[in-house]
Amino acid sequence: MTSKKNQADPRVIRTRRLLQDAFDSLIQEKDFESITVRDIAERATVNRATFYAHFVDKFEILEARLMESFMTIINRRIRGHEVLNEETIQSIFLGLCEFHKGLGTMCKRRNTSLVPVFEIQIKEKIQTILLSFIDKDKMLATPNAPFLINTAAIMLSWGMYGAAYVWNKEGCLISAESFVEQSLPLVMNGAKELLG
């Protein structure tokens, strides 16, 4: 793994991008399981040692691509939101639907192994985003508040993730907007503890 100091070096950035682009093109062509580090390095026209200077293994490059894709979508959707309210939760939920639908585009072949691999990281990221909107004084207001707020954030993040996953898996039979609009009352009922 490259040191933090070198992360800003244009050559490091360019090489990481070459490796990620090579991975992106390979995932369009074959299953994740059959992609090797050698495949990625050859497609990027670098040697395997260069790959290992940037990523531990193919799972790390996959995680980087998925998290980058997810955070780009979520950051765009929650830009300008300052408090956790129904509109913020709706934006995050729509972002999850967009992310799941985008996985189908990112991975044209049937890569069923992709989603479960980093499902926990995505759920934890949603939880962190939800908690980032919570007033810290509210967390300390009562002895049980941190437990209840954390538990509510876990349930909300896992619930929205699961609903968006199933919506996409079943073929996006209705638009993401309609799906979220119909599901939001259920989500908001579970979010009462976060909203206070």
C-alpha atoms as a PDB file:
ATOM      1  CA  MET A   1       0.000   0.000   0.000  1.00  0.00           C
ATOM      2  CA  THR A   2       1.406   3.403  -0.887  1.00  0.00           C
ATOM      3  CA  SER A   3       2.072   5.825   1.933  1.00  0.00           C
ATOM      4  CA  LYS A   4      -0.291   8.723   2.583  1.00  0.00           C
ATOM      5  CA  LYS A   5       2.450  11.143   1.551  1.00  0.00           C
ATOM      6  CA  ASN A   6       2.568   9.674  -1.949  1.00  0.00           C
ATOM      7  CA  GLN A   7      -1.230   9.586  -2.422  1.00  0.00           C
ATOM      8  CA  ALA A   8      -1.194  13.127  -3.875  1.00  0.00           C
ATOM      9  CA  ASP A   9       1.627  12.368  -6.329  1.00  0.00           C
ATOM     10  CA  PRO A  10       0.150  12.656  -9.866  1.00  0.00           C
ATOM     11  CA  ARG A  11       1.955   9.458 -10.920  1.00  0.00           C
ATOM     12  CA  VAL A  12       0.398   7.535  -8.029  1.00  0.00           C
ATOM     13  CA  ILE A  13      -3.047   8.920  -8.839  1.00  0.00           C
ATOM     14  CA  ARG A  14      -2.602   8.101 -12.545  1.00  0.00           C
ATOM     15  CA  THR A  15      -1.433   4.526 -11.843  1.00  0.00           C
ATOM     16  CA  ARG A  16      -4.300   3.885  -9.390  1.00  0.00           C
ATOM     17  CA  ARG A  17      -6.730   5.197 -12.001  1.00  0.00           C
ATOM     18  CA  LEU A  18      -5.178   2.928 -14.676  1.00  0.00           C
ATOM     19  CA  LEU A  19      -5.612  -0.085 -12.379  1.00  0.00           C
ATOM     20  CA  GLN A  20      -9.190   0.865 -11.487  1.00  0.00           C
ATOM     21  CA  ASP A  21     -10.082   1.434 -15.144  1.00  0.00           C
ATOM     22  CA  ALA A  22      -8.562  -1.943 -16.044  1.00  0.00           C
ATOM     23  CA  PHE A  23     -10.618  -3.567 -13.283  1.00  0.00           C
ATOM     24  CA  ASP A  24     -13.762  -1.777 -14.509  1.00  0.00           C
ATOM     25  CA  SER A  25     -13.304  -3.101 -18.034  1.00  0.00           C
ATOM     26  CA  LEU A  26     -12.557  -6.654 -16.834  1.00  0.00           C
ATOM     27  CA  ILE A  27     -15.635  -6.774 -14.594  1.00  0.00           C
ATOM     28  CA  GLN A  28     -17.713  -6.057 -17.697  1.00  0.00           C
ATOM     29  CA  GLU A  29     -16.272  -9.136 -19.372  1.00  0.00           C
ATOM     30  CA  LYS A  30     -15.960 -11.823 -16.718  1.00  0.00           C
ATOM     31  CA  ASP A  31     -17.013 -12.896 -13.245  1.00  0.00           C
ATOM     32  CA  PHE A  32     -15.169 -11.365 -10.322  1.00  0.00           C
ATOM     33  CA  GLU A  33     -13.987 -14.801  -9.149  1.00  0.00           C
ATOM     34  CA  SER A  34     -12.184 -15.421 -12.423  1.00  0.00           C
ATOM     35  CA  ILE A  35     -10.400 -12.037 -12.529  1.00  0.00           C
ATOM     36  CA  THR A  36      -6.793 -12.287 -11.350  1.00  0.00           C
ATOM     37  CA  VAL A  37      -4.309  -9.656 -10.252  1.00  0.00           C
ATOM     38  CA  ARG A  38      -2.294 -10.596 -13.346  1.00  0.00           C
ATOM     39  CA  ASP A  39      -5.344  -9.828 -15.550  1.00  0.00           C
ATOM     40  CA  ILE A  40      -5.735  -6.391 -13.957  1.00  0.00           C
ATOM     41  CA  ALA A  41      -2.014  -5.586 -14.187  1.00  0.00           C
ATOM     42  CA  GLU A  42      -1.794  -6.710 -17.827  1.00  0.00           C
ATOM     43  CA  ARG A  43      -4.888  -4.697 -18.797  1.00  0.00           C
ATOM     44  CA  ALA A  44      -3.408  -1.645 -17.049  1.00  0.00           C
ATOM     45  CA  THR A  45      -0.042  -2.290 -18.746  1.00  0.00           C
ATOM     46  CA  VAL A  46       1.828  -2.424 -15.445  1.00  0.00           C
ATOM     47  CA  ASN A  47       3.540  -5.281 -13.639  1.00  0.00           C
ATOM     48  CA  ARG A  48       2.075  -7.130 -10.670  1.00  0.00           C
ATOM     49  CA  ALA A  49       4.512  -5.465  -8.264  1.00  0.00           C
ATOM     50  CA  THR A  50       3.021  -2.115  -9.289  1.00  0.00           C
ATOM     51  CA  PHE A  51      -0.466  -3.468  -8.614  1.00  0.00           C
ATOM     52  CA  TYR A  52       0.615  -4.574  -5.122  1.00  0.00           C
ATOM     53  CA  ALA A  53       2.147  -1.160  -4.459  1.00  0.00           C
ATOM     54  CA  HIS A  54      -1.386   0.263  -4.734  1.00  0.00           C
ATOM     55  CA  PHE A  55      -3.759  -2.517  -3.642  1.00  0.00           C
ATOM     56  CA  VAL A  56      -3.446  -5.513  -1.315  1.00  0.00           C
ATOM     57  CA  ASP A  57      -5.563  -7.725  -3.584  1.00  0.00           C
ATOM     58  CA  LYS A  58      -8.465  -7.661  -6.028  1.00  0.00           C
ATOM     59  CA  PHE A  59     -10.942  -7.335  -3.133  1.00  0.00           C
ATOM     60  CA  GLU A  60      -9.377  -4.027  -2.139  1.00  0.00           C
ATOM     61  CA  ILE A  61      -9.689  -2.629  -5.660  1.00  0.00           C
ATOM     62  CA  LEU A  62     -13.310  -3.820  -5.742  1.00  0.00           C
ATOM     63  CA  GLU A  63     -14.000  -2.156  -2.389  1.00  0.00           C
ATOM     64  CA  ALA A  64     -12.389   1.079  -3.590  1.00  0.00           C
ATOM     65  CA  ARG A  65     -14.551   1.107  -6.734  1.00  0.00           C
ATOM     66  CA  LEU A  66     -17.788   0.276  -4.904  1.00  0.00           C
ATOM     67  CA  MET A  67     -17.219   2.789  -2.097  1.00  0.00           C
ATOM     68  CA  GLU A  68     -16.194   5.497  -4.564  1.00  0.00           C
ATOM     69  CA  SER A  69     -19.326   4.855  -6.611  1.00  0.00           C
ATOM     70  CA  PHE A  70     -21.540   4.769  -3.511  1.00  0.00           C
ATOM     71  CA  MET A  71     -20.107   7.935  -1.954  1.00  0.00           C
ATOM     72  CA  THR A  72     -20.329   9.869  -5.234  1.00  0.00           C
ATOM     73  CA  ILE A  73     -24.049   9.063  -5.423  1.00  0.00           C
ATOM     74  CA  ILE A  74     -24.761   9.733  -1.733  1.00  0.00           C
ATOM     75  CA  ASN A  75     -22.739  12.965  -1.559  1.00  0.00           C
ATOM     76  CA  ARG A  76     -24.586  14.304  -4.590  1.00  0.00           C
ATOM     77  CA  ARG A  77     -27.935  13.363  -3.056  1.00  0.00           C
ATOM     78  CA  ILE A  78     -27.322  14.797   0.445  1.00  0.00           C
ATOM     79  CA  ARG A  79     -25.465  17.945  -0.636  1.00  0.00           C
ATOM     80  CA  GLY A  80     -27.020  20.877   1.194  1.00  0.00           C
ATOM     81  CA  HIS A  81     -28.732  18.765   3.860  1.00  0.00           C
ATOM     82  CA  GLU A  82     -27.847  19.947   7.354  1.00  0.00           C
ATOM     83  CA  VAL A  83     -30.239  18.006   9.598  1.00  0.00           C
ATOM     84  CA  LEU A  84     -31.625  14.503   9.593  1.00  0.00           C
ATOM     85  CA  ASN A  85     -35.231  14.708   8.479  1.00  0.00           C
ATOM     86  CA  GLU A  86     -37.581  12.852   6.153  1.00  0.00           C
ATOM     87  CA  GLU A  87     -36.130  14.577   3.089  1.00  0.00           C
ATOM     88  CA  THR A  88     -32.565  13.557   4.046  1.00  0.00           C
ATOM     89  CA  ILE A  89     -33.619   9.949   4.652  1.00  0.00           C
ATOM     90  CA  GLN A  90     -35.487   9.936   1.331  1.00  0.00           C
ATOM     91  CA  SER A  91     -32.343  11.223  -0.432  1.00  0.00           C
ATOM     92  CA  ILE A  92     -30.195   8.488   1.124  1.00  0.00           C
ATOM     93  CA  PHE A  93     -32.801   5.831   0.241  1.00  0.00           C
ATOM     94  CA  LEU A  94     -32.939   7.042  -3.382  1.00  0.00           C
ATOM     95  CA  GLY A  95     -29.145   7.005  -3.450  1.00  0.00           C
ATOM     96  CA  LEU A  96     -29.165   3.367  -2.351  1.00  0.00           C
ATOM     97  CA  CYS A  97     -31.607   2.484  -5.146  1.00  0.00           C
ATOM     98  CA  GLU A  98     -29.392   4.328  -7.644  1.00  0.00           C
ATOM     99  CA  PHE A  99     -26.284   2.532  -6.311  1.00  0.00           C
ATOM    100  CA  HIS A 100     -27.875  -0.932  -6.590  1.00  0.00           C
ATOM    101  CA  LYS A 101     -29.182  -0.218 -10.075  1.00  0.00           C
ATOM    102  CA  GLY A 102     -25.709   1.054 -11.042  1.00  0.00           C
ATOM    103  CA  LEU A 103     -24.100  -2.192  -9.906  1.00  0.00           C
ATOM    104  CA  GLY A 104     -25.888  -3.857 -12.801  1.00  0.00           C
ATOM    105  CA  THR A 105     -24.260  -1.394 -15.181  1.00  0.00           C
ATOM    106  CA  MET A 106     -20.842  -1.599 -13.532  1.00  0.00           C
ATOM    107  CA  CYS A 107     -20.942  -5.389 -13.657  1.00  0.00           C
ATOM    108  CA  LYS A 108     -22.761  -6.445 -16.815  1.00  0.00           C
ATOM    109  CA  ARG A 109     -22.012 -10.093 -16.238  1.00  0.00           C
ATOM    110  CA  ARG A 110     -23.754 -11.892 -13.417  1.00  0.00           C
ATOM    111  CA  ASN A 111     -21.463 -11.119 -10.490  1.00  0.00           C
ATOM    112  CA  THR A 112     -23.609 -12.409  -7.659  1.00  0.00           C
ATOM    113  CA  SER A 113     -20.572 -12.534  -5.389  1.00  0.00           C
ATOM    114  CA  LEU A 114     -20.034  -8.771  -5.594  1.00  0.00           C
ATOM    115  CA  VAL A 115     -22.922  -7.518  -3.500  1.00  0.00           C
ATOM    116  CA  PRO A 116     -22.489  -9.597  -0.314  1.00  0.00           C
ATOM    117  CA  VAL A 117     -18.736  -9.003  -0.173  1.00  0.00           C
ATOM    118  CA  PHE A 118     -19.046  -5.338   0.797  1.00  0.00           C
ATOM    119  CA  GLU A 119     -22.642  -5.207   1.981  1.00  0.00           C
ATOM    120  CA  ILE A 120     -21.585  -4.705   5.602  1.00  0.00           C
ATOM    121  CA  GLN A 121     -19.249  -1.806   4.707  1.00  0.00           C
ATOM    122  CA  ILE A 122     -22.013  -0.044   2.767  1.00  0.00           C
ATOM    123  CA  LYS A 123     -24.497  -0.523   5.628  1.00  0.00           C
ATOM    124  CA  GLU A 124     -21.954   0.799   8.134  1.00  0.00           C
ATOM    125  CA  LYS A 125     -21.278   3.799   5.889  1.00  0.00           C
ATOM    126  CA  ILE A 126     -25.013   4.593   5.771  1.00  0.00           C
ATOM    127  CA  GLN A 127     -25.148   4.292   9.556  1.00  0.00           C
ATOM    128  CA  THR A 128     -22.196   6.711   9.888  1.00  0.00           C
ATOM    129  CA  ILE A 129     -23.861   9.170   7.500  1.00  0.00           C
ATOM    130  CA  LEU A 130     -27.121   9.024   9.477  1.00  0.00           C
ATOM    131  CA  LEU A 131     -25.292   9.553  12.774  1.00  0.00           C
ATOM    132  CA  SER A 132     -23.284  12.457  11.330  1.00  0.00           C
ATOM    133  CA  PHE A 133     -26.542  14.431  11.190  1.00  0.00           C
ATOM    134  CA  ILE A 134     -27.386  13.771  14.860  1.00  0.00           C
ATOM    135  CA  ASP A 135     -26.799  16.565  17.353  1.00  0.00           C
ATOM    136  CA  LYS A 136     -24.124  15.373  19.795  1.00  0.00           C
ATOM    137  CA  ASP A 137     -26.040  16.968  22.714  1.00  0.00           C
ATOM    138  CA  LYS A 138     -28.995  14.723  21.818  1.00  0.00           C
ATOM    139  CA  MET A 139     -26.692  11.698  22.064  1.00  0.00           C
ATOM    140  CA  LEU A 140     -25.825  12.684  25.640  1.00  0.00           C
ATOM    141  CA  ALA A 141     -29.310  13.847  26.664  1.00  0.00           C
ATOM    142  CA  THR A 142     -30.309  10.670  28.512  1.00  0.00           C
ATOM    143  CA  PRO A 143     -28.295   7.667  29.648  1.00  0.00           C
ATOM    144  CA  ASN A 144     -30.000   5.354  27.132  1.00  0.00           C
ATOM    145  CA  ALA A 145     -29.933   7.801  24.177  1.00  0.00           C
ATOM    146  CA  PRO A 146     -26.647   6.621  22.557  1.00  0.00           C
ATOM    147  CA  PHE A 147     -27.820   2.997  22.545  1.00  0.00           C
ATOM    148  CA  LEU A 148     -31.262   3.861  21.133  1.00  0.00           C
ATOM    149  CA  ILE A 149     -29.893   6.252  18.512  1.00  0.00           C
ATOM    150  CA  ASN A 150     -27.175   3.815  17.383  1.00  0.00           C
ATOM    151  CA  THR A 151     -29.669   0.951  17.232  1.00  0.00           C
ATOM    152  CA  ALA A 152     -32.133   3.078  15.239  1.00  0.00           C
ATOM    153  CA  ALA A 153     -29.357   4.055  12.800  1.00  0.00           C
ATOM    154  CA  ILE A 154     -28.382   0.387  12.355  1.00  0.00           C
ATOM    155  CA  MET A 155     -31.976  -0.689  11.730  1.00  0.00           C
ATOM    156  CA  LEU A 156     -32.623   2.202   9.354  1.00  0.00           C
ATOM    157  CA  SER A 157     -29.433   1.641   7.355  1.00  0.00           C
ATOM    158  CA  TRP A 158     -29.945  -2.120   7.092  1.00  0.00           C
ATOM    159  CA  GLY A 159     -33.634  -1.712   6.273  1.00  0.00           C
ATOM    160  CA  MET A 160     -33.075   0.823   3.499  1.00  0.00           C
ATOM    161  CA  TYR A 161     -30.169  -1.190   2.100  1.00  0.00           C
ATOM    162  CA  GLY A 162     -32.198  -4.407   2.092  1.00  0.00           C
ATOM    163  CA  ALA A 163     -35.259  -2.790   0.528  1.00  0.00           C
ATOM    164  CA  ALA A 164     -33.176  -1.148  -2.234  1.00  0.00           C
ATOM    165  CA  TYR A 165     -31.345  -4.438  -2.857  1.00  0.00           C
ATOM    166  CA  VAL A 166     -34.593  -6.405  -3.242  1.00  0.00           C
ATOM    167  CA  TRP A 167     -36.161  -3.655  -5.402  1.00  0.00           C
ATOM    168  CA  ASN A 168     -33.205  -3.938  -7.787  1.00  0.00           C
ATOM    169  CA  LYS A 169     -32.987  -7.760  -7.631  1.00  0.00           C
ATOM    170  CA  GLU A 170     -36.669  -8.033  -8.582  1.00  0.00           C
ATOM    171  CA  GLY A 171     -36.009  -5.979 -11.706  1.00  0.00           C
ATOM    172  CA  CYS A 172     -36.884  -2.406 -10.637  1.00  0.00           C
ATOM    173  CA  LEU A 173     -40.536  -3.029 -11.451  1.00  0.00           C
ATOM    174  CA  ILE A 174     -41.460   0.541 -10.462  1.00  0.00           C
ATOM    175  CA  SER A 175     -39.309   3.656 -10.545  1.00  0.00           C
ATOM    176  CA  ALA A 176     -36.965   4.293  -7.636  1.00  0.00           C
ATOM    177  CA  GLU A 177     -38.964   7.420  -6.835  1.00  0.00           C
ATOM    178  CA  SER A 178     -42.253   5.486  -6.633  1.00  0.00           C
ATOM    179  CA  PHE A 179     -40.641   2.696  -4.650  1.00  0.00           C
ATOM    180  CA  VAL A 180     -39.113   5.095  -2.116  1.00  0.00           C
ATOM    181  CA  GLU A 181     -42.323   7.131  -1.890  1.00  0.00           C
ATOM    182  CA  GLN A 182     -44.346   3.980  -1.116  1.00  0.00           C
ATOM    183  CA  SER A 183     -41.746   2.621   1.330  1.00  0.00           C
ATOM    184  CA  LEU A 184     -40.925   5.862   3.118  1.00  0.00           C
ATOM    185  CA  PRO A 185     -43.809   5.686   5.651  1.00  0.00           C
ATOM    186  CA  LEU A 186     -42.446   2.316   6.837  1.00  0.00           C
ATOM    187  CA  VAL A 187     -38.927   3.711   6.988  1.00  0.00           C
ATOM    188  CA  MET A 188     -39.994   6.867   8.822  1.00  0.00           C
ATOM    189  CA  ASN A 189     -41.910   4.864  11.421  1.00  0.00           C
ATOM    190  CA  GLY A 190     -38.644   3.103  12.229  1.00  0.00           C
ATOM    191  CA  ALA A 191     -36.704   6.398  12.190  1.00  0.00           C
ATOM    192  CA  LYS A 192     -38.691   8.113  14.948  1.00  0.00           C
ATOM    193  CA  GLU A 193     -35.956   7.516  17.501  1.00  0.00           C
ATOM    194  CA  LEU A 194     -33.400   9.295  15.311  1.00  0.00           C
ATOM    195  CA  LEU A 195     -35.649  12.230  14.533  1.00  0.00           C
ATOM    196  CA  GLY A 196     -36.779  12.780  18.131  1.00  0.00           C
END
